[in-house]
C-alpha atoms as a PDB file:
ATOM      1  CA  MET A   1      88.226  64.885  35.806  1.00  0.00           C
ATOM      2  CA  ILE A   2      84.803  63.277  35.990  1.00  0.00           C
ATOM      3  CA  GLY A   3      81.748  65.308  35.024  1.00  0.00           C
ATOM      4  CA  LEU A   4      78.038  65.198  35.754  1.00  0.00           C
ATOM      5  CA  ILE A   5      74.747  64.568  33.983  1.00  0.00           C
ATOM      6  CA  GLY A   6      72.005  67.052  34.777  1.00  0.00           C
ATOM      7  CA  LYS A   7      68.675  68.524  33.792  1.00  0.00           C
ATOM      8  CA  LYS A   8      68.072  72.131  32.772  1.00  0.00           C
ATOM      9  CA  LEU A   9      65.310  73.532  34.987  1.00  0.00           C
ATOM     10  CA  GLY A  10      65.089  77.016  33.493  1.00  0.00           C
ATOM     11  CA  MET A  11      66.438  80.519  33.939  1.00  0.00           C
ATOM     12  CA  THR A  12      66.166  83.109  36.678  1.00  0.00           C
ATOM     13  CA  ARG A  13      68.408  85.790  38.130  1.00  0.00           C
ATOM     14  CA  LYS A  14      70.615  86.168  41.165  1.00  0.00           C
ATOM     15  CA  PHE A  15      71.648  89.389  42.840  1.00  0.00           C
ATOM     16  CA  GLU A  16      75.316  89.718  43.721  1.00  0.00           C
ATOM     17  CA  GLU A  17      76.660  91.496  46.774  1.00  0.00           C
ATOM     18  CA  ASP A  18      77.108  94.769  44.890  1.00  0.00           C
ATOM     19  CA  GLY A  19      73.457  94.694  43.803  1.00  0.00           C
ATOM     20  CA  ARG A  20      74.019  93.648  40.192  1.00  0.00           C
ATOM     21  CA  SER A  21      71.463  91.286  38.670  1.00  0.00           C
ATOM     22  CA  VAL A  22      73.048  88.255  37.005  1.00  0.00           C
ATOM     23  CA  PRO A  23      71.000  86.076  34.611  1.00  0.00           C
ATOM     24  CA  VAL A  24      71.551  82.431  35.557  1.00  0.00           C
ATOM     25  CA  THR A  25      70.479  79.000  34.352  1.00  0.00           C
ATOM     26  CA  VAL A  26      69.474  76.514  37.033  1.00  0.00           C
ATOM     27  CA  ILE A  27      70.718  72.971  36.455  1.00  0.00           C
ATOM     28  CA  GLU A  28      69.808  69.968  38.565  1.00  0.00           C
ATOM     29  CA  ALA A  29      73.086  68.046  38.435  1.00  0.00           C
ATOM     30  CA  GLY A  30      72.868  64.544  39.837  1.00  0.00           C
ATOM     31  CA  PRO A  31      73.039  62.720  42.008  1.00  0.00           C
ATOM     32  CA  CYS A  32      74.555  60.319  39.504  1.00  0.00           C
ATOM     33  CA  VAL A  33      75.516  56.700  40.083  1.00  0.00           C
ATOM     34  CA  VAL A  34      78.626  54.972  38.748  1.00  0.00           C
ATOM     35  CA  THR A  35      77.319  52.181  36.501  1.00  0.00           C
ATOM     36  CA  GLN A  36      80.611  50.991  34.986  1.00  0.00           C
ATOM     37  CA  VAL A  37      84.341  51.494  35.478  1.00  0.00           C
ATOM     38  CA  LYS A  38      86.554  50.985  32.418  1.00  0.00           C
ATOM     39  CA  THR A  39      90.266  50.319  32.725  1.00  0.00           C
ATOM     40  CA  GLU A  40      93.257  50.032  30.417  1.00  0.00           C
ATOM     41  CA  GLU A  41      93.446  46.288  31.010  1.00  0.00           C
ATOM     42  CA  THR A  42      89.829  45.450  30.158  1.00  0.00           C
ATOM     43  CA  ASP A  43      88.759  48.172  27.719  1.00  0.00           C
ATOM     44  CA  GLY A  44      91.931  49.801  26.447  1.00  0.00           C
ATOM     45  CA  TYR A  45      91.265  53.134  28.108  1.00  0.00           C
ATOM     46  CA  SER A  46      90.326  54.525  31.506  1.00  0.00           C
ATOM     47  CA  ALA A  47      86.822  55.970  31.949  1.00  0.00           C
ATOM     48  CA  VAL A  48      83.900  56.080  34.360  1.00  0.00           C
ATOM     49  CA  GLN A  49      80.306  55.604  33.184  1.00  0.00           C
ATOM     50  CA  ILE A  50      77.622  57.351  35.229  1.00  0.00           C
ATOM     51  CA  GLY A  51      73.825  57.315  35.049  1.00  0.00           C
ATOM     52  CA  PHE A  52      71.145  59.879  35.842  1.00  0.00           C
ATOM     53  CA  GLY A  53      67.356  59.925  36.018  1.00  0.00           C
ATOM     54  CA  ALA A  54      64.968  57.242  37.216  1.00  0.00           C
ATOM     55  CA  LYS A  55      63.458  54.766  34.755  1.00  0.00           C
ATOM     56  CA  LYS A  56      60.885  52.045  35.265  1.00  0.00           C
ATOM     57  CA  PRO A  57      62.286  48.495  35.059  1.00  0.00           C
ATOM     58  CA  LYS A  58      59.450  47.436  32.737  1.00  0.00           C
ATOM     59  CA  ASN A  59      60.649  50.050  30.216  1.00  0.00           C
ATOM     60  CA  THR A  60      64.281  48.933  30.467  1.00  0.00           C
ATOM     61  CA  PRO A  61      65.673  46.142  28.244  1.00  0.00           C
ATOM     62  CA  LEU A  62      66.734  43.049  30.176  1.00  0.00           C
ATOM     63  CA  PRO A  63      70.449  43.376  29.280  1.00  0.00           C
ATOM     64  CA  MET A  64      70.445  46.924  30.640  1.00  0.00           C
ATOM     65  CA  GLN A  65      68.630  45.786  33.778  1.00  0.00           C
ATOM     66  CA  GLY A  66      71.463  43.352  34.382  1.00  0.00           C
ATOM     67  CA  HIS A  67      74.005  46.085  33.672  1.00  0.00           C
ATOM     68  CA  PHE A  68      72.490  48.344  36.325  1.00  0.00           C
ATOM     69  CA  ARG A  69      71.904  45.460  38.758  1.00  0.00           C
ATOM     70  CA  LYS A  70      75.617  44.690  38.627  1.00  0.00           C
ATOM     71  CA  ALA A  71      76.261  48.226  39.880  1.00  0.00           C
ATOM     72  CA  GLY A  72      73.651  47.832  42.611  1.00  0.00           C
ATOM     73  CA  SER A  73      71.522  50.548  41.069  1.00  0.00           C
ATOM     74  CA  ASP A  74      67.966  50.936  39.861  1.00  0.00           C
ATOM     75  CA  PRO A  75      67.565  51.507  36.100  1.00  0.00           C
ATOM     76  CA  VAL A  76      68.512  55.007  34.954  1.00  0.00           C
ATOM     77  CA  ARG A  77      67.384  56.915  31.901  1.00  0.00           C
ATOM     78  CA  THR A  78      70.638  58.510  30.727  1.00  0.00           C
ATOM     79  CA  VAL A  79      74.194  57.182  30.849  1.00  0.00           C
ATOM     80  CA  ALA A  80      77.433  58.836  29.801  1.00  0.00           C
ATOM     81  CA  GLU A  81      81.092  58.145  30.328  1.00  0.00           C
ATOM     82  CA  PHE A  82      83.909  60.518  31.185  1.00  0.00           C
ATOM     83  CA  ARG A  83      87.589  59.874  30.619  1.00  0.00           C
ATOM     84  CA  VAL A  84      89.602  59.860  33.828  1.00  0.00           C
ATOM     85  CA  ASP A  85      93.229  59.307  34.726  1.00  0.00           C
ATOM     86  CA  ASP A  86      94.463  56.018  36.123  1.00  0.00           C
ATOM     87  CA  GLY A  87      94.450  55.792  39.886  1.00  0.00           C
ATOM     88  CA  HIS A  88      91.006  57.306  40.424  1.00  0.00           C
ATOM     89  CA  GLU A  89      88.902  56.187  43.383  1.00  0.00           C
ATOM     90  CA  TYR A  90      85.513  55.663  41.711  1.00  0.00           C
ATOM     91  CA  LYS A  91      83.882  52.243  42.133  1.00  0.00           C
ATOM     92  CA  LEU A  92      80.668  50.587  40.970  1.00  0.00           C
ATOM     93  CA  GLY A  93      77.643  51.991  42.751  1.00  0.00           C
ATOM     94  CA  ASP A  94      79.341  55.171  43.993  1.00  0.00           C
ATOM     95  CA  ARG A  95      77.217  58.316  44.082  1.00  0.00           C
ATOM     96  CA  VAL A  96      78.500  61.423  42.317  1.00  0.00           C
ATOM     97  CA  SER A  97      76.972  64.782  43.283  1.00  0.00           C
ATOM     98  CA  VAL A  98      77.718  68.455  42.737  1.00  0.00           C
ATOM     99  CA  ASP A  99      80.394  68.195  45.407  1.00  0.00           C
ATOM    100  CA  VAL A 100      82.664  66.721  42.742  1.00  0.00           C
ATOM    101  CA  LEU A 101      82.996  70.203  41.225  1.00  0.00           C
ATOM    102  CA  GLY A 102      84.595  71.477  44.413  1.00  0.00           C
ATOM    103  CA  GLU A 103      86.020  74.958  43.853  1.00  0.00           C
ATOM    104  CA  THR A 104      85.504  74.842  40.075  1.00  0.00           C
ATOM    105  CA  VAL A 105      85.005  78.363  38.713  1.00  0.00           C
ATOM    106  CA  THR A 106      84.006  77.640  35.105  1.00  0.00           C
ATOM    107  CA  ILE A 107      82.323  74.659  33.444  1.00  0.00           C
ATOM    108  CA  ASP A 108      81.455  73.441  29.953  1.00  0.00           C
ATOM    109  CA  VAL A 109      77.822  72.461  29.352  1.00  0.00           C
ATOM    110  CA  THR A 110      76.751  70.267  26.431  1.00  0.00           C
ATOM    111  CA  GLY A 111      73.128  69.865  25.363  1.00  0.00           C
ATOM    112  CA  THR A 112      70.817  69.517  22.377  1.00  0.00           C
ATOM    113  CA  THR A 113      69.513  72.825  21.057  1.00  0.00           C
ATOM    114  CA  LYS A 114      65.820  73.442  20.521  1.00  0.00           C
ATOM    115  CA  GLY A 115      64.587  72.038  17.219  1.00  0.00           C
ATOM    116  CA  ARG A 116      63.007  74.705  14.992  1.00  0.00           C
ATOM    117  CA  GLY A 117      62.299  72.579  11.952  1.00  0.00           C
ATOM    118  CA  PHE A 118      62.918  73.614   8.354  1.00  0.00           C
ATOM    119  CA  SER A 119      63.724  77.334   8.416  1.00  0.00           C
ATOM    120  CA  GLY A 120      64.624  79.966   5.868  1.00  0.00           C
ATOM    121  CA  ASN A 121      67.729  82.102   5.517  1.00  0.00           C
ATOM    122  CA  ILE A 122      66.465  84.953   7.675  1.00  0.00           C
ATOM    123  CA  LYS A 123      65.615  82.810  10.695  1.00  0.00           C
ATOM    124  CA  ARG A 124      68.413  80.279  10.269  1.00  0.00           C
ATOM    125  CA  HIS A 125      71.327  82.555   9.359  1.00  0.00           C
ATOM    126  CA  GLY A 126      70.147  86.084  10.161  1.00  0.00           C
ATOM    127  CA  HIS A 127      70.099  87.289   6.557  1.00  0.00           C
ATOM    128  CA  HIS A 128      68.496  90.612   5.629  1.00  0.00           C
ATOM    129  CA  ARG A 129      65.160  90.943   3.886  1.00  0.00           C
ATOM    130  CA  GLY A 130      65.021  91.708   0.213  1.00  0.00           C
ATOM    131  CA  PRO A 131      63.326  94.766  -1.339  1.00  0.00           C
ATOM    132  CA  ASP A 132      59.547  94.737  -0.869  1.00  0.00           C
ATOM    133  CA  GLY A 133      58.592  97.200  -3.578  1.00  0.00           C
ATOM    134  CA  HIS A 134      58.753  97.691  -7.338  1.00  0.00           C
ATOM    135  CA  GLY A 135      57.455  94.216  -8.054  1.00  0.00           C
ATOM    136  CA  SER A 136      60.069  92.401  -5.987  1.00  0.00           C
ATOM    137  CA  LYS A 137      59.291  88.732  -5.422  1.00  0.00           C
ATOM    138  CA  ASN A 138      62.112  87.830  -3.034  1.00  0.00           C
ATOM    139  CA  VAL A 139      61.225  89.725   0.133  1.00  0.00           C
ATOM    140  CA  ARG A 140      62.182  86.781   2.356  1.00  0.00           C
ATOM    141  CA  ALA A 141      63.493  84.409  -0.302  1.00  0.00           C
ATOM    142  CA  SER A 142      67.138  83.826  -1.151  1.00  0.00           C
ATOM    143  CA  GLY A 143      68.886  86.059  -3.618  1.00  0.00           C
ATOM    144  CA  SER A 144      71.651  84.915  -5.915  1.00  0.00           C
ATOM    145  CA  ILE A 145      73.555  81.938  -4.519  1.00  0.00           C
ATOM    146  CA  GLY A 146      76.203  81.528  -7.220  1.00  0.00           C
ATOM    147  CA  MET A 147      78.731  83.404  -9.362  1.00  0.00           C
ATOM    148  CA  HIS A 148      78.790  84.368 -13.026  1.00  0.00           C
ATOM    149  CA  THR A 149      80.315  81.981 -15.560  1.00  0.00           C
ATOM    150  CA  PHE A 150      83.280  81.319 -13.261  1.00  0.00           C
ATOM    151  CA  PRO A 151      83.432  79.207 -11.175  1.00  0.00           C
ATOM    152  CA  GLY A 152      79.894  78.409 -12.307  1.00  0.00           C
ATOM    153  CA  ARG A 153      78.865  76.500  -9.213  1.00  0.00           C
ATOM    154  CA  VAL A 154      77.749  76.960  -5.602  1.00  0.00           C
ATOM    155  CA  PHE A 155      80.457  76.568  -3.001  1.00  0.00           C
ATOM    156  CA  PRO A 156      79.916  73.923  -0.292  1.00  0.00           C
ATOM    157  CA  GLY A 157      78.739  75.393   2.985  1.00  0.00           C
ATOM    158  CA  LYS A 158      76.693  78.179   1.405  1.00  0.00           C
ATOM    159  CA  ASP A 159      74.069  79.551   3.823  1.00  0.00           C
ATOM    160  CA  MET A 160      70.803  78.048   2.641  1.00  0.00           C
ATOM    161  CA  PRO A 161      67.379  77.164   4.088  1.00  0.00           C
ATOM    162  CA  GLY A 162      67.299  73.870   5.958  1.00  0.00           C
ATOM    163  CA  GLN A 163      66.998  72.105   9.304  1.00  0.00           C
ATOM    164  CA  TYR A 164      67.573  74.551  12.143  1.00  0.00           C
ATOM    165  CA  GLY A 165      68.407  73.448  15.677  1.00  0.00           C
ATOM    166  CA  ALA A 166      68.114  69.978  17.242  1.00  0.00           C
ATOM    167  CA  LYS A 167      71.886  69.565  17.226  1.00  0.00           C
ATOM    168  CA  ARG A 168      74.487  68.952  19.883  1.00  0.00           C
ATOM    169  CA  GLU A 169      76.130  72.109  21.110  1.00  0.00           C
ATOM    170  CA  THR A 170      78.616  72.977  23.862  1.00  0.00           C
ATOM    171  CA  LYS A 171      78.902  76.272  25.689  1.00  0.00           C
ATOM    172  CA  LYS A 172      82.325  76.699  27.213  1.00  0.00           C
ATOM    173  CA  ASN A 173      83.686  78.597  30.188  1.00  0.00           C
ATOM    174  CA  LEU A 174      80.340  79.332  31.856  1.00  0.00           C
ATOM    175  CA  ARG A 175      80.896  80.923  35.249  1.00  0.00           C
ATOM    176  CA  VAL A 176      79.504  79.050  38.243  1.00  0.00           C
ATOM    177  CA  VAL A 177      77.550  81.628  40.235  1.00  0.00           C
ATOM    178  CA  ALA A 178      76.392  79.369  43.071  1.00  0.00           C
ATOM    179  CA  ILE A 179      76.103  75.704  44.083  1.00  0.00           C
ATOM    180  CA  ASP A 180      73.299  74.314  46.271  1.00  0.00           C
ATOM    181  CA  ALA A 181      74.661  70.974  47.459  1.00  0.00           C
ATOM    182  CA  GLU A 182      71.517  70.087  49.428  1.00  0.00           C
ATOM    183  CA  ARG A 183      69.286  70.244  46.340  1.00  0.00           C
ATOM    184  CA  ASN A 184      71.993  69.313  43.799  1.00  0.00           C
ATOM    185  CA  LEU A 185      71.598  72.600  41.946  1.00  0.00           C
ATOM    186  CA  ILE A 186      74.170  74.543  39.956  1.00  0.00           C
ATOM    187  CA  LEU A 187      73.591  78.167  38.925  1.00  0.00           C
ATOM    188  CA  VAL A 188      75.656  79.228  35.915  1.00  0.00           C
ATOM    189  CA  LYS A 189      75.788  82.649  34.336  1.00  0.00           C
ATOM    190  CA  GLY A 190      74.035  82.914  30.978  1.00  0.00           C
ATOM    191  CA  SER A 191      72.141  80.387  28.923  1.00  0.00           C
ATOM    192  CA  VAL A 192      72.835  76.743  28.119  1.00  0.00           C
ATOM    193  CA  PRO A 193      71.680  74.732  25.089  1.00  0.00           C
ATOM    194  CA  GLY A 194      68.317  72.993  25.173  1.00  0.00           C
ATOM    195  CA  HIS A 195      64.781  73.362  26.428  1.00  0.00           C
ATOM    196  CA  LYS A 196      63.456  73.107  29.963  1.00  0.00           C
ATOM    197  CA  ASN A 197      63.931  69.623  31.435  1.00  0.00           C
ATOM    198  CA  GLY A 198      66.474  68.877  28.712  1.00  0.00           C
ATOM    199  CA  ILE A 199      69.433  66.663  29.558  1.00  0.00           C
ATOM    200  CA  VAL A 200      72.838  68.375  29.750  1.00  0.00           C
ATOM    201  CA  PHE A 201      76.354  67.105  30.356  1.00  0.00           C
ATOM    202  CA  ILE A 202      78.655  69.099  32.622  1.00  0.00           C
ATOM    203  CA  ARG A 203      82.411  69.005  32.938  1.00  0.00           C
ATOM    204  CA  PRO A 204      84.983  71.422  34.389  1.00  0.00           C
ATOM    205  CA  SER A 205      86.555  73.739  31.840  1.00  0.00           C
ATOM    206  CA  ARG A 206      90.099  72.985  30.798  1.00  0.00           C
END
């Protein structure tokens, strides 16, 4: 099933009928435009490419301008393709909105997490602090990272300081709390990866 490209607007809360407060993330999903249709005959697989977000023509390379012009669309900032089954009804220039989700109860949201730069073990992996008395010099530094004489090396994958965040992450089975078709908004329970105004990719959960 085709998905959507959206923008994370932020978080708020929504009260349910029984009075419970539910934390929700507001996502502006679409409207997206179909910029390319791939088929088994021409590309070896069946997929639909959609675009989201306005972009100035002067900032768009000429080949991409022609690509979007072929679809009868203005240049868009973000494109992504979704695998679909043969026999779908999507055509070049079609508009895809939140209505495509229909009665979908749960969705998967993919985004890029906030980049936190080079971080230590405590911030990056949640390690405990070391002793801060009796002359200790490793209050926030790493302790021993290896073994004794055997095996005499550090295993791959050991939790170490390093780049934290700024990676692609998917949150699965997020419950759809509400859909505002007029404003192309989706309210999902909980948080989604990324910062405000970050681009996210939405697809129904399997």
